[in-house]
Amino acid sequence: MRKIALISLTLAFPMVAHAEIVTPKVLVITMFGEETKPWLENLQLRKRIAVTGLPKSAPDVVCNEDLCVMTTTMGFANAAASTAAVALSDKLDLSKTYFIIAGIAGIDPSKGTLGSAAWADYVVDGGLFHRIATSEAPAEWKSTVVELGAGVPGEKQAWGAGTEVFEMNKPLLEAALAASRNVTLADGETATAYRALYSQPAAKAKPGVTSCTTISADTYWHGAGVATELAAHAKVLTDGKADYCTSQMEDNATLTALSRAADAGRLDFGRIAVLRTASNFDRPHDGQSTAESLAAKSGGFGPATQNAFLVGNALAEDIIAHWSRYEAGLKN
């Protein structure tokens, strides 16, 4: 009787075929809703893929035939967890996919202005080091950032986590710059008026597309003092190669998750591009306090979210339109 019951149950509930695995040419990774919004508004992304492990506020990867977009939600923990969930999901085949991390950032006014777009050459962790309070540091120290295992500021680190620095694929970086250099960028009257308060020529200029180093940290730091310390930290970790210009809160975490997936054979780490657009300056203008600068309504947020789409999509369109060039990967 027990065997008959099992047979009857099998006939009543036949096995369901597995859903088709999605194979995007491009996967865009955004960090919060306002970064995601322009992609949803400008592209026809009608396919929704629910992925276990994504946050309740952004539970789906949304796609068309060639491109998908996901939202990690903000900060290191969310970025790593969400990216790992998608990278390891059996619902997607990402073995040939190009990844575009596209979000907003702070910017050094000597390197760019509100709305500017910067493709990363290096991505540096701005939190993995020793630090003591300025009031407790030796008088001769010019920084309170001491590398892991080092004894004084500026000394090379003696040990580390292995996620402090990611160098991005140079041929892909060059392709991203070529595809997006002539994009007409969004701007605004408030941003124009605010940038005019700065003395640096780069800050006063119209937004453009460039390449430089981005620094990640869960802490939303602000001010010339911290920025100077972290720019020096990036140079120490890269033997002087890193040229800091943007600050953000996720990229080392996102890249760590993607590198683990690459180690597992799920994706090609050489197919990742990191884009950050400037929503604010990372320090005050002359005559402004750091606290005032942090709280200022600079007008950069709107142009930055739009330009992350405009510039990121320029690379995405180039990859999709010229897949025969990109399919095998871009190698040094």
C-alpha atoms as a PDB file:
ATOM      1  CA  MET A   1       0.000   0.000   0.000  1.00  0.00           C
ATOM      2  CA  ARG A   2       2.858   2.403   0.805  1.00  0.00           C
ATOM      3  CA  LYS A   3       4.467   1.855  -2.633  1.00  0.00           C
ATOM      4  CA  ILE A   4       1.164   2.509  -4.438  1.00  0.00           C
ATOM      5  CA  ALA A   5       0.689   5.757  -2.516  1.00  0.00           C
ATOM      6  CA  LEU A   6       4.109   6.979  -3.593  1.00  0.00           C
ATOM      7  CA  ILE A   7       3.426   6.177  -7.231  1.00  0.00           C
ATOM      8  CA  SER A   8       0.102   7.993  -7.096  1.00  0.00           C
ATOM      9  CA  LEU A   9       1.746  11.055  -5.556  1.00  0.00           C
ATOM     10  CA  THR A  10       4.350  11.127  -8.312  1.00  0.00           C
ATOM     11  CA  LEU A  11       1.665  11.022 -10.993  1.00  0.00           C
ATOM     12  CA  ALA A  12      -0.341  13.748  -9.304  1.00  0.00           C
ATOM     13  CA  PHE A  13       2.664  16.085  -8.950  1.00  0.00           C
ATOM     14  CA  PRO A  14       4.986  15.596 -11.955  1.00  0.00           C
ATOM     15  CA  MET A  15       8.516  17.027 -11.787  1.00  0.00           C
ATOM     16  CA  VAL A  16       8.775  20.645 -12.940  1.00  0.00           C
ATOM     17  CA  ALA A  17      11.416  21.400 -15.567  1.00  0.00           C
ATOM     18  CA  HIS A  18      14.244  23.691 -14.470  1.00  0.00           C
ATOM     19  CA  ALA A  19      13.912  27.330 -15.518  1.00  0.00           C
ATOM     20  CA  GLU A  20      16.143  28.509 -18.341  1.00  0.00           C
ATOM     21  CA  ILE A  21      19.530  29.754 -17.149  1.00  0.00           C
ATOM     22  CA  VAL A  22      20.091  33.434 -17.997  1.00  0.00           C
ATOM     23  CA  THR A  23      23.388  34.287 -19.741  1.00  0.00           C
ATOM     24  CA  PRO A  24      23.788  38.087 -19.805  1.00  0.00           C
ATOM     25  CA  LYS A  25      26.544  39.772 -21.744  1.00  0.00           C
ATOM     26  CA  VAL A  26      26.561  42.547 -19.119  1.00  0.00           C
ATOM     27  CA  LEU A  27      25.588  42.605 -15.433  1.00  0.00           C
ATOM     28  CA  VAL A  28      25.328  46.065 -13.886  1.00  0.00           C
ATOM     29  CA  ILE A  29      25.813  46.271 -10.121  1.00  0.00           C
ATOM     30  CA  THR A  30      24.285  49.285  -8.360  1.00  0.00           C
ATOM     31  CA  MET A  31      24.212  49.943  -4.649  1.00  0.00           C
ATOM     32  CA  PHE A  32      20.863  51.603  -3.890  1.00  0.00           C
ATOM     33  CA  GLY A  33      17.570  52.482  -5.528  1.00  0.00           C
ATOM     34  CA  GLU A  34      18.416  55.917  -6.897  1.00  0.00           C
ATOM     35  CA  GLU A  35      21.458  54.455  -8.671  1.00  0.00           C
ATOM     36  CA  THR A  36      19.310  51.671 -10.107  1.00  0.00           C
ATOM     37  CA  LYS A  37      16.438  53.915 -11.193  1.00  0.00           C
ATOM     38  CA  PRO A  38      17.924  55.343 -14.434  1.00  0.00           C
ATOM     39  CA  TRP A  39      18.678  51.844 -15.705  1.00  0.00           C
ATOM     40  CA  LEU A  40      15.084  50.788 -15.088  1.00  0.00           C
ATOM     41  CA  GLU A  41      13.672  53.950 -16.654  1.00  0.00           C
ATOM     42  CA  ASN A  42      15.800  53.881 -19.796  1.00  0.00           C
ATOM     43  CA  LEU A  43      16.069  50.174 -20.597  1.00  0.00           C
ATOM     44  CA  GLN A  44      13.401  47.542 -21.169  1.00  0.00           C
ATOM     45  CA  LEU A  45      14.246  45.140 -18.319  1.00  0.00           C
ATOM     46  CA  ARG A  46      11.123  43.002 -18.158  1.00  0.00           C
ATOM     47  CA  LYS A  47      12.593  39.690 -16.984  1.00  0.00           C
ATOM     48  CA  ARG A  48      12.786  39.308 -13.205  1.00  0.00           C
ATOM     49  CA  ILE A  49      14.963  36.659 -11.590  1.00  0.00           C
ATOM     50  CA  ALA A  50      14.479  36.137  -7.857  1.00  0.00           C
ATOM     51  CA  VAL A  51      17.825  35.177  -6.303  1.00  0.00           C
ATOM     52  CA  THR A  52      18.090  33.629  -2.864  1.00  0.00           C
ATOM     53  CA  GLY A  53      20.287  35.781  -0.651  1.00  0.00           C
ATOM     54  CA  LEU A  54      19.396  39.158  -2.132  1.00  0.00           C
ATOM     55  CA  PRO A  55      17.919  41.748   0.274  1.00  0.00           C
ATOM     56  CA  LYS A  56      14.167  41.992   0.750  1.00  0.00           C
ATOM     57  CA  SER A  57      14.221  45.529  -0.640  1.00  0.00           C
ATOM     58  CA  ALA A  58      15.859  44.397  -3.901  1.00  0.00           C
ATOM     59  CA  PRO A  59      15.170  40.655  -4.270  1.00  0.00           C
ATOM     60  CA  ASP A  60      15.418  40.380  -8.068  1.00  0.00           C
ATOM     61  CA  VAL A  61      17.946  40.664 -10.843  1.00  0.00           C
ATOM     62  CA  VAL A  62      16.163  42.394 -13.738  1.00  0.00           C
ATOM     63  CA  CYS A  63      17.155  41.666 -17.327  1.00  0.00           C
ATOM     64  CA  ASN A  64      16.570  41.934 -21.032  1.00  0.00           C
ATOM     65  CA  GLU A  65      18.181  39.646 -23.608  1.00  0.00           C
ATOM     66  CA  ASP A  66      21.681  41.053 -23.125  1.00  0.00           C
ATOM     67  CA  LEU A  67      21.883  43.024 -19.892  1.00  0.00           C
ATOM     68  CA  CYS A  68      20.922  42.534 -16.246  1.00  0.00           C
ATOM     69  CA  VAL A  69      20.888  44.941 -13.297  1.00  0.00           C
ATOM     70  CA  MET A  70      21.104  44.127  -9.585  1.00  0.00           C
ATOM     71  CA  THR A  71      21.065  46.273  -6.440  1.00  0.00           C
ATOM     72  CA  THR A  72      23.281  45.247  -3.513  1.00  0.00           C
ATOM     73  CA  THR A  73      22.077  47.881  -0.994  1.00  0.00           C
ATOM     74  CA  MET A  74      24.661  50.040   0.770  1.00  0.00           C
ATOM     75  CA  GLY A  75      27.833  49.233   2.686  1.00  0.00           C
ATOM     76  CA  PHE A  76      30.451  46.482   2.721  1.00  0.00           C
ATOM     77  CA  ALA A  77      28.303  43.765   4.325  1.00  0.00           C
ATOM     78  CA  ASN A  78      25.367  44.219   1.954  1.00  0.00           C
ATOM     79  CA  ALA A  79      27.583  44.582  -1.104  1.00  0.00           C
ATOM     80  CA  ALA A  80      29.523  41.389  -0.415  1.00  0.00           C
ATOM     81  CA  ALA A  81      26.481  39.306   0.554  1.00  0.00           C
ATOM     82  CA  SER A  82      24.331  40.400  -2.388  1.00  0.00           C
ATOM     83  CA  THR A  83      27.103  40.073  -4.964  1.00  0.00           C
ATOM     84  CA  ALA A  84      28.055  36.610  -3.713  1.00  0.00           C
ATOM     85  CA  ALA A  85      24.428  35.489  -3.866  1.00  0.00           C
ATOM     86  CA  VAL A  86      24.147  36.462  -7.533  1.00  0.00           C
ATOM     87  CA  ALA A  87      27.627  35.346  -8.546  1.00  0.00           C
ATOM     88  CA  LEU A  88      27.040  31.872  -7.096  1.00  0.00           C
ATOM     89  CA  SER A  89      23.400  31.501  -8.157  1.00  0.00           C
ATOM     90  CA  ASP A  90      22.547  28.585 -10.442  1.00  0.00           C
ATOM     91  CA  LYS A  91      19.987  30.803 -12.185  1.00  0.00           C
ATOM     92  CA  LEU A  92      22.657  32.702 -14.101  1.00  0.00           C
ATOM     93  CA  ASP A  93      25.607  31.690 -16.234  1.00  0.00           C
ATOM     94  CA  LEU A  94      28.140  34.491 -15.737  1.00  0.00           C
ATOM     95  CA  SER A  95      31.151  32.764 -17.280  1.00  0.00           C
ATOM     96  CA  LYS A  96      31.382  35.290 -20.141  1.00  0.00           C
ATOM     97  CA  THR A  97      29.558  38.188 -18.505  1.00  0.00           C
ATOM     98  CA  TYR A  98      31.063  41.661 -18.165  1.00  0.00           C
ATOM     99  CA  PHE A  99      30.375  43.378 -14.846  1.00  0.00           C
ATOM    100  CA  ILE A 100      29.920  47.130 -14.550  1.00  0.00           C
ATOM    101  CA  ILE A 101      29.839  48.430 -10.978  1.00  0.00           C
ATOM    102  CA  ALA A 102      28.122  51.808 -11.392  1.00  0.00           C
ATOM    103  CA  GLY A 103      27.448  54.175  -8.511  1.00  0.00           C
ATOM    104  CA  ILE A 104      28.009  57.617  -7.047  1.00  0.00           C
ATOM    105  CA  ALA A 105      30.955  58.892  -5.001  1.00  0.00           C
ATOM    106  CA  GLY A 106      32.740  61.812  -3.430  1.00  0.00           C
ATOM    107  CA  ILE A 107      35.498  63.422  -5.467  1.00  0.00           C
ATOM    108  CA  ASP A 108      38.748  65.275  -4.810  1.00  0.00           C
ATOM    109  CA  PRO A 109      38.177  68.788  -6.237  1.00  0.00           C
ATOM    110  CA  SER A 110      41.690  68.798  -7.683  1.00  0.00           C
ATOM    111  CA  LYS A 111      40.769  65.763  -9.831  1.00  0.00           C
ATOM    112  CA  GLY A 112      37.184  66.424 -10.962  1.00  0.00           C
ATOM    113  CA  THR A 113      33.873  68.074 -10.328  1.00  0.00           C
ATOM    114  CA  LEU A 114      30.244  67.363  -9.532  1.00  0.00           C
ATOM    115  CA  GLY A 115      28.808  64.948 -12.084  1.00  0.00           C
ATOM    116  CA  SER A 116      32.226  63.779 -13.318  1.00  0.00           C
ATOM    117  CA  ALA A 117      32.642  60.094 -14.114  1.00  0.00           C
ATOM    118  CA  ALA A 118      35.754  58.142 -13.172  1.00  0.00           C
ATOM    119  CA  TRP A 119      36.624  54.605 -14.247  1.00  0.00           C
ATOM    120  CA  ALA A 120      38.850  52.966 -11.633  1.00  0.00           C
ATOM    121  CA  ASP A 121      42.361  51.738 -12.337  1.00  0.00           C
ATOM    122  CA  TYR A 122      42.859  50.638  -8.714  1.00  0.00           C
ATOM    123  CA  VAL A 123      40.270  50.001  -6.010  1.00  0.00           C
ATOM    124  CA  VAL A 124      41.740  50.434  -2.516  1.00  0.00           C
ATOM    125  CA  ASP A 125      40.241  49.578   0.878  1.00  0.00           C
ATOM    126  CA  GLY A 126      40.209  52.667   3.084  1.00  0.00           C
ATOM    127  CA  GLY A 127      39.550  50.836   6.322  1.00  0.00           C
ATOM    128  CA  LEU A 128      42.069  47.999   6.623  1.00  0.00           C
ATOM    129  CA  PHE A 129      44.854  49.626   8.627  1.00  0.00           C
ATOM    130  CA  HIS A 130      45.829  50.644  12.173  1.00  0.00           C
ATOM    131  CA  ARG A 131      44.676  54.023  13.451  1.00  0.00           C
ATOM    132  CA  ILE A 132      45.004  55.932  16.704  1.00  0.00           C
ATOM    133  CA  ALA A 133      43.507  59.265  17.714  1.00  0.00           C
ATOM    134  CA  THR A 134      45.391  62.404  16.704  1.00  0.00           C
ATOM    135  CA  SER A 135      45.599  63.457  20.351  1.00  0.00           C
ATOM    136  CA  GLU A 136      47.419  60.221  21.192  1.00  0.00           C
ATOM    137  CA  ALA A 137      49.765  60.047  18.197  1.00  0.00           C
ATOM    138  CA  PRO A 138      53.465  60.938  18.482  1.00  0.00           C
ATOM    139  CA  ALA A 139      54.023  64.639  17.774  1.00  0.00           C
ATOM    140  CA  GLU A 140      56.248  63.929  14.761  1.00  0.00           C
ATOM    141  CA  TRP A 141      53.573  61.858  12.944  1.00  0.00           C
ATOM    142  CA  LYS A 142      51.979  63.644  10.004  1.00  0.00           C
ATOM    143  CA  SER A 143      49.247  60.975   9.708  1.00  0.00           C
ATOM    144  CA  THR A 144      47.367  58.650  12.040  1.00  0.00           C
ATOM    145  CA  VAL A 145      47.100  55.896   9.387  1.00  0.00           C
ATOM    146  CA  VAL A 146      49.581  53.078   9.990  1.00  0.00           C
ATOM    147  CA  GLU A 147      49.553  50.082   7.657  1.00  0.00           C
ATOM    148  CA  LEU A 148      48.799  46.633   9.061  1.00  0.00           C
ATOM    149  CA  GLY A 149      51.869  45.302  10.843  1.00  0.00           C
ATOM    150  CA  ALA A 150      53.807  48.548  10.323  1.00  0.00           C
ATOM    151  CA  GLY A 151      55.125  50.799  13.083  1.00  0.00           C
ATOM    152  CA  VAL A 152      54.882  54.297  11.648  1.00  0.00           C
ATOM    153  CA  PRO A 153      52.886  56.095   8.939  1.00  0.00           C
ATOM    154  CA  GLY A 154      54.201  55.529   5.416  1.00  0.00           C
ATOM    155  CA  GLU A 155      55.808  52.155   6.203  1.00  0.00           C
ATOM    156  CA  LYS A 156      54.751  49.195   4.051  1.00  0.00           C
ATOM    157  CA  GLN A 157      52.288  46.764   5.595  1.00  0.00           C
ATOM    158  CA  ALA A 158      53.672  43.519   7.038  1.00  0.00           C
ATOM    159  CA  TRP A 159      50.500  41.465   6.759  1.00  0.00           C
ATOM    160  CA  GLY A 160      47.028  41.894   5.373  1.00  0.00           C
ATOM    161  CA  ALA A 161      43.618  40.500   4.468  1.00  0.00           C
ATOM    162  CA  GLY A 162      44.345  40.092   0.750  1.00  0.00           C
ATOM    163  CA  THR A 163      41.495  42.397  -0.260  1.00  0.00           C
ATOM    164  CA  GLU A 164      43.201  45.759   0.253  1.00  0.00           C
ATOM    165  CA  VAL A 165      43.900  46.453  -3.431  1.00  0.00           C
ATOM    166  CA  PHE A 166      42.347  45.364  -6.707  1.00  0.00           C
ATOM    167  CA  GLU A 167      43.995  46.383  -9.976  1.00  0.00           C
ATOM    168  CA  MET A 168      41.458  46.539 -12.790  1.00  0.00           C
ATOM    169  CA  ASN A 169      42.032  45.043 -16.241  1.00  0.00           C
ATOM    170  CA  LYS A 170      43.805  47.756 -18.251  1.00  0.00           C
ATOM    171  CA  PRO A 171      42.479  46.806 -21.738  1.00  0.00           C
ATOM    172  CA  LEU A 172      38.909  46.864 -20.405  1.00  0.00           C
ATOM    173  CA  LEU A 173      39.599  50.185 -18.683  1.00  0.00           C
ATOM    174  CA  GLU A 174      40.868  51.602 -21.981  1.00  0.00           C
ATOM    175  CA  ALA A 175      37.794  50.231 -23.780  1.00  0.00           C
ATOM    176  CA  ALA A 176      35.528  51.838 -21.171  1.00  0.00           C
ATOM    177  CA  LEU A 177      37.218  55.213 -21.615  1.00  0.00           C
ATOM    178  CA  ALA A 178      37.033  54.980 -25.390  1.00  0.00           C
ATOM    179  CA  ALA A 179      33.347  54.013 -25.344  1.00  0.00           C
ATOM    180  CA  SER A 180      32.292  56.759 -22.910  1.00  0.00           C
ATOM    181  CA  ARG A 181      34.691  59.659 -23.390  1.00  0.00           C
ATOM    182  CA  ASN A 182      32.332  61.634 -25.643  1.00  0.00           C
ATOM    183  CA  VAL A 183      29.096  60.998 -23.725  1.00  0.00           C
ATOM    184  CA  THR A 184      27.106  64.177 -23.074  1.00  0.00           C
ATOM    185  CA  LEU A 185      26.858  64.322 -19.295  1.00  0.00           C
ATOM    186  CA  ALA A 186      24.002  65.586 -17.166  1.00  0.00           C
ATOM    187  CA  ASP A 187      24.533  68.743 -15.122  1.00  0.00           C
ATOM    188  CA  GLY A 188      22.438  71.234 -13.173  1.00  0.00           C
ATOM    189  CA  GLU A 189      22.224  74.874 -12.122  1.00  0.00           C
ATOM    190  CA  THR A 190      22.777  74.135  -8.437  1.00  0.00           C
ATOM    191  CA  ALA A 191      25.866  72.026  -9.200  1.00  0.00           C
ATOM    192  CA  THR A 192      27.209  74.745 -11.508  1.00  0.00           C
ATOM    193  CA  ALA A 193      26.800  77.405  -8.835  1.00  0.00           C
ATOM    194  CA  TYR A 194      28.302  75.239  -6.095  1.00  0.00           C
ATOM    195  CA  ARG A 195      31.400  74.193  -8.066  1.00  0.00           C
ATOM    196  CA  ALA A 196      32.113  77.868  -8.769  1.00  0.00           C
ATOM    197  CA  LEU A 197      32.884  78.284  -5.045  1.00  0.00           C
ATOM    198  CA  TYR A 198      35.978  76.085  -5.382  1.00  0.00           C
ATOM    199  CA  SER A 199      39.365  77.436  -6.442  1.00  0.00           C
ATOM    200  CA  GLN A 200      40.676  74.280  -8.130  1.00  0.00           C
ATOM    201  CA  PRO A 201      40.403  74.358 -11.954  1.00  0.00           C
ATOM    202  CA  ALA A 202      39.180  70.747 -12.069  1.00  0.00           C
ATOM    203  CA  ALA A 203      36.378  71.557  -9.617  1.00  0.00           C
ATOM    204  CA  LYS A 204      35.260  74.604 -11.632  1.00  0.00           C
ATOM    205  CA  ALA A 205      35.184  72.696 -14.932  1.00  0.00           C
ATOM    206  CA  LYS A 206      32.214  71.009 -16.554  1.00  0.00           C
ATOM    207  CA  PRO A 207      31.870  67.279 -15.704  1.00  0.00           C
ATOM    208  CA  GLY A 208      33.860  64.876 -17.850  1.00  0.00           C
ATOM    209  CA  VAL A 209      35.015  61.263 -18.037  1.00  0.00           C
ATOM    210  CA  THR A 210      38.354  60.227 -16.588  1.00  0.00           C
ATOM    211  CA  SER A 211      40.240  57.397 -14.870  1.00  0.00           C
ATOM    212  CA  CYS A 212      41.751  57.297 -11.383  1.00  0.00           C
ATOM    213  CA  THR A 213      41.810  55.339  -8.133  1.00  0.00           C
ATOM    214  CA  THR A 214      38.741  54.879  -5.937  1.00  0.00           C
ATOM    215  CA  ILE A 215      38.875  54.265  -2.176  1.00  0.00           C
ATOM    216  CA  SER A 216      36.227  52.190  -0.379  1.00  0.00           C
ATOM    217  CA  ALA A 217      35.195  52.453   3.265  1.00  0.00           C
ATOM    218  CA  ASP A 218      32.094  51.683   5.296  1.00  0.00           C
ATOM    219  CA  THR A 219      32.703  54.985   7.085  1.00  0.00           C
ATOM    220  CA  TYR A 220      31.469  57.982   5.079  1.00  0.00           C
ATOM    221  CA  TRP A 221      34.544  60.091   5.809  1.00  0.00           C
ATOM    222  CA  HIS A 222      34.871  63.731   4.771  1.00  0.00           C
ATOM    223  CA  GLY A 223      37.448  66.510   4.829  1.00  0.00           C
ATOM    224  CA  ALA A 224      40.865  67.343   3.434  1.00  0.00           C
ATOM    225  CA  GLY A 225      42.708  65.843   6.395  1.00  0.00           C
ATOM    226  CA  VAL A 226      41.215  62.356   6.103  1.00  0.00           C
ATOM    227  CA  ALA A 227      41.328  62.479   2.299  1.00  0.00           C
ATOM    228  CA  THR A 228      45.038  63.329   2.340  1.00  0.00           C
ATOM    229  CA  GLU A 229      45.774  60.469   4.735  1.00  0.00           C
ATOM    230  CA  LEU A 230      43.831  57.953   2.638  1.00  0.00           C
ATOM    231  CA  ALA A 231      45.375  59.136  -0.629  1.00  0.00           C
ATOM    232  CA  ALA A 232      48.794  58.478   0.930  1.00  0.00           C
ATOM    233  CA  HIS A 233      47.556  55.084   2.190  1.00  0.00           C
ATOM    234  CA  ALA A 234      46.556  54.146  -1.368  1.00  0.00           C
ATOM    235  CA  LYS A 235      49.993  55.098  -2.669  1.00  0.00           C
ATOM    236  CA  VAL A 236      51.755  53.017  -0.007  1.00  0.00           C
ATOM    237  CA  LEU A 237      49.687  49.937  -0.882  1.00  0.00           C
ATOM    238  CA  THR A 238      50.327  50.318  -4.638  1.00  0.00           C
ATOM    239  CA  ASP A 239      53.989  51.397  -4.547  1.00  0.00           C
ATOM    240  CA  GLY A 240      53.002  54.890  -5.591  1.00  0.00           C
ATOM    241  CA  LYS A 241      50.812  53.901  -8.563  1.00  0.00           C
ATOM    242  CA  ALA A 242      47.396  54.804  -7.146  1.00  0.00           C
ATOM    243  CA  ASP A 243      46.098  58.301  -7.877  1.00  0.00           C
ATOM    244  CA  TYR A 244      43.102  58.772  -5.571  1.00  0.00           C
ATOM    245  CA  CYS A 245      40.116  60.753  -6.797  1.00  0.00           C
ATOM    246  CA  THR A 246      36.830  59.140  -5.662  1.00  0.00           C
ATOM    247  CA  SER A 247      35.492  57.763  -2.383  1.00  0.00           C
ATOM    248  CA  GLN A 248      32.651  55.278  -1.923  1.00  0.00           C
ATOM    249  CA  MET A 249      31.326  52.626   0.455  1.00  0.00           C
ATOM    250  CA  GLU A 250      31.252  49.250  -1.332  1.00  0.00           C
ATOM    251  CA  ASP A 251      33.681  48.449  -4.136  1.00  0.00           C
ATOM    252  CA  ASN A 252      36.337  46.396  -2.328  1.00  0.00           C
ATOM    253  CA  ALA A 253      33.566  44.268  -0.811  1.00  0.00           C
ATOM    254  CA  THR A 254      31.856  43.778  -4.170  1.00  0.00           C
ATOM    255  CA  LEU A 255      35.158  42.886  -5.827  1.00  0.00           C
ATOM    256  CA  THR A 256      36.031  40.452  -3.046  1.00  0.00           C
ATOM    257  CA  ALA A 257      32.791  38.554  -3.661  1.00  0.00           C
ATOM    258  CA  LEU A 258      33.428  38.548  -7.412  1.00  0.00           C
ATOM    259  CA  SER A 259      37.011  37.369  -6.919  1.00  0.00           C
ATOM    260  CA  ARG A 260      35.794  34.429  -4.800  1.00  0.00           C
ATOM    261  CA  ALA A 261      33.348  33.530  -7.568  1.00  0.00           C
ATOM    262  CA  ALA A 262      36.140  33.831 -10.114  1.00  0.00           C
ATOM    263  CA  ASP A 263      38.277  31.462  -8.031  1.00  0.00           C
ATOM    264  CA  ALA A 264      35.338  29.043  -8.117  1.00  0.00           C
ATOM    265  CA  GLY A 265      35.246  29.217 -11.915  1.00  0.00           C
ATOM    266  CA  ARG A 266      31.945  31.109 -12.031  1.00  0.00           C
ATOM    267  CA  LEU A 267      33.213  34.233 -13.799  1.00  0.00           C
ATOM    268  CA  ASP A 268      36.241  35.996 -15.291  1.00  0.00           C
ATOM    269  CA  PHE A 269      37.637  38.688 -12.968  1.00  0.00           C
ATOM    270  CA  GLY A 270      39.213  40.413 -15.973  1.00  0.00           C
ATOM    271  CA  ARG A 271      35.714  41.359 -17.162  1.00  0.00           C
ATOM    272  CA  ILE A 272      34.960  43.826 -14.374  1.00  0.00           C
ATOM    273  CA  ALA A 273      34.848  47.619 -14.719  1.00  0.00           C
ATOM    274  CA  VAL A 274      34.288  49.999 -11.801  1.00  0.00           C
ATOM    275  CA  LEU A 275      32.631  53.361 -12.444  1.00  0.00           C
ATOM    276  CA  ARG A 276      31.971  56.103  -9.906  1.00  0.00           C
ATOM    277  CA  THR A 277      30.364  59.485 -10.577  1.00  0.00           C
ATOM    278  CA  ALA A 278      30.761  62.497  -8.310  1.00  0.00           C
ATOM    279  CA  SER A 279      27.753  63.485  -6.234  1.00  0.00           C
ATOM    280  CA  ASN A 280      29.770  65.625  -3.802  1.00  0.00           C
ATOM    281  CA  PHE A 281      33.223  67.014  -3.148  1.00  0.00           C
ATOM    282  CA  ASP A 282      35.220  65.165  -0.488  1.00  0.00           C
ATOM    283  CA  ARG A 283      36.348  68.380   1.239  1.00  0.00           C
ATOM    284  CA  PRO A 284      35.212  71.989   1.724  1.00  0.00           C
ATOM    285  CA  HIS A 285      35.948  75.009  -0.431  1.00  0.00           C
ATOM    286  CA  ASP A 286      37.910  77.965   0.945  1.00  0.00           C
ATOM    287  CA  GLY A 287      36.035  79.687   3.764  1.00  0.00           C
ATOM    288  CA  GLN A 288      33.770  76.689   4.415  1.00  0.00           C
ATOM    289  CA  SER A 289      34.062  74.362   7.409  1.00  0.00           C
ATOM    290  CA  THR A 290      34.263  70.606   6.934  1.00  0.00           C
ATOM    291  CA  ALA A 291      30.966  70.174   8.797  1.00  0.00           C
ATOM    292  CA  GLU A 292      29.305  72.721   6.504  1.00  0.00           C
ATOM    293  CA  SER A 293      30.724  70.941   3.473  1.00  0.00           C
ATOM    294  CA  LEU A 294      29.432  67.572   4.657  1.00  0.00           C
ATOM    295  CA  ALA A 295      25.917  68.950   5.083  1.00  0.00           C
ATOM    296  CA  ALA A 296      25.892  71.084   1.914  1.00  0.00           C
ATOM    297  CA  LYS A 297      23.284  70.633  -0.828  1.00  0.00           C
ATOM    298  CA  SER A 298      25.701  70.781  -3.741  1.00  0.00           C
ATOM    299  CA  GLY A 299      23.310  69.713  -6.487  1.00  0.00           C
ATOM    300  CA  GLY A 300      25.570  66.859  -7.531  1.00  0.00           C
ATOM    301  CA  PHE A 301      23.343  63.929  -6.619  1.00  0.00           C
ATOM    302  CA  GLY A 302      20.952  64.119  -9.578  1.00  0.00           C
ATOM    303  CA  PRO A 303      23.618  64.544 -12.269  1.00  0.00           C
ATOM    304  CA  ALA A 304      25.753  61.831 -10.657  1.00  0.00           C
ATOM    305  CA  THR A 305      23.012  59.187 -10.689  1.00  0.00           C
ATOM    306  CA  GLN A 306      22.146  60.058 -14.291  1.00  0.00           C
ATOM    307  CA  ASN A 307      25.770  60.028 -15.408  1.00  0.00           C
ATOM    308  CA  ALA A 308      26.465  56.658 -13.794  1.00  0.00           C
ATOM    309  CA  PHE A 309      23.842  55.325 -16.197  1.00  0.00           C
ATOM    310  CA  LEU A 310      24.889  57.364 -19.240  1.00  0.00           C
ATOM    311  CA  VAL A 311      28.580  56.502 -18.931  1.00  0.00           C
ATOM    312  CA  GLY A 312      28.095  52.915 -17.747  1.00  0.00           C
ATOM    313  CA  ASN A 313      25.571  52.214 -20.480  1.00  0.00           C
ATOM    314  CA  ALA A 314      27.976  53.531 -23.118  1.00  0.00           C
ATOM    315  CA  LEU A 315      30.339  50.675 -22.219  1.00  0.00           C
ATOM    316  CA  ALA A 316      27.457  48.195 -21.977  1.00  0.00           C
ATOM    317  CA  GLU A 317      26.226  49.157 -25.459  1.00  0.00           C
ATOM    318  CA  ASP A 318      29.745  48.827 -26.873  1.00  0.00           C
ATOM    319  CA  ILE A 319      30.121  45.346 -25.372  1.00  0.00           C
ATOM    320  CA  ILE A 320      26.741  44.204 -26.706  1.00  0.00           C
ATOM    321  CA  ALA A 321      27.146  45.777 -30.160  1.00  0.00           C
ATOM    322  CA  HIS A 322      30.688  44.442 -30.623  1.00  0.00           C
ATOM    323  CA  TRP A 323      30.346  41.087 -28.876  1.00  0.00           C
ATOM    324  CA  SER A 324      32.664  39.411 -31.372  1.00  0.00           C
ATOM    325  CA  ARG A 325      35.444  41.613 -30.038  1.00  0.00           C
ATOM    326  CA  TYR A 326      34.571  41.167 -26.374  1.00  0.00           C
ATOM    327  CA  GLU A 327      33.402  37.534 -26.212  1.00  0.00           C
ATOM    328  CA  ALA A 328      36.838  35.992 -25.701  1.00  0.00           C
ATOM    329  CA  GLY A 329      37.830  38.664 -23.157  1.00  0.00           C
ATOM    330  CA  LEU A 330      40.204  41.632 -23.401  1.00  0.00           C
ATOM    331  CA  LYS A 331      43.730  40.650 -22.479  1.00  0.00           C
ATOM    332  CA  ASN A 332      46.935  42.581 -21.880  1.00  0.00           C
END
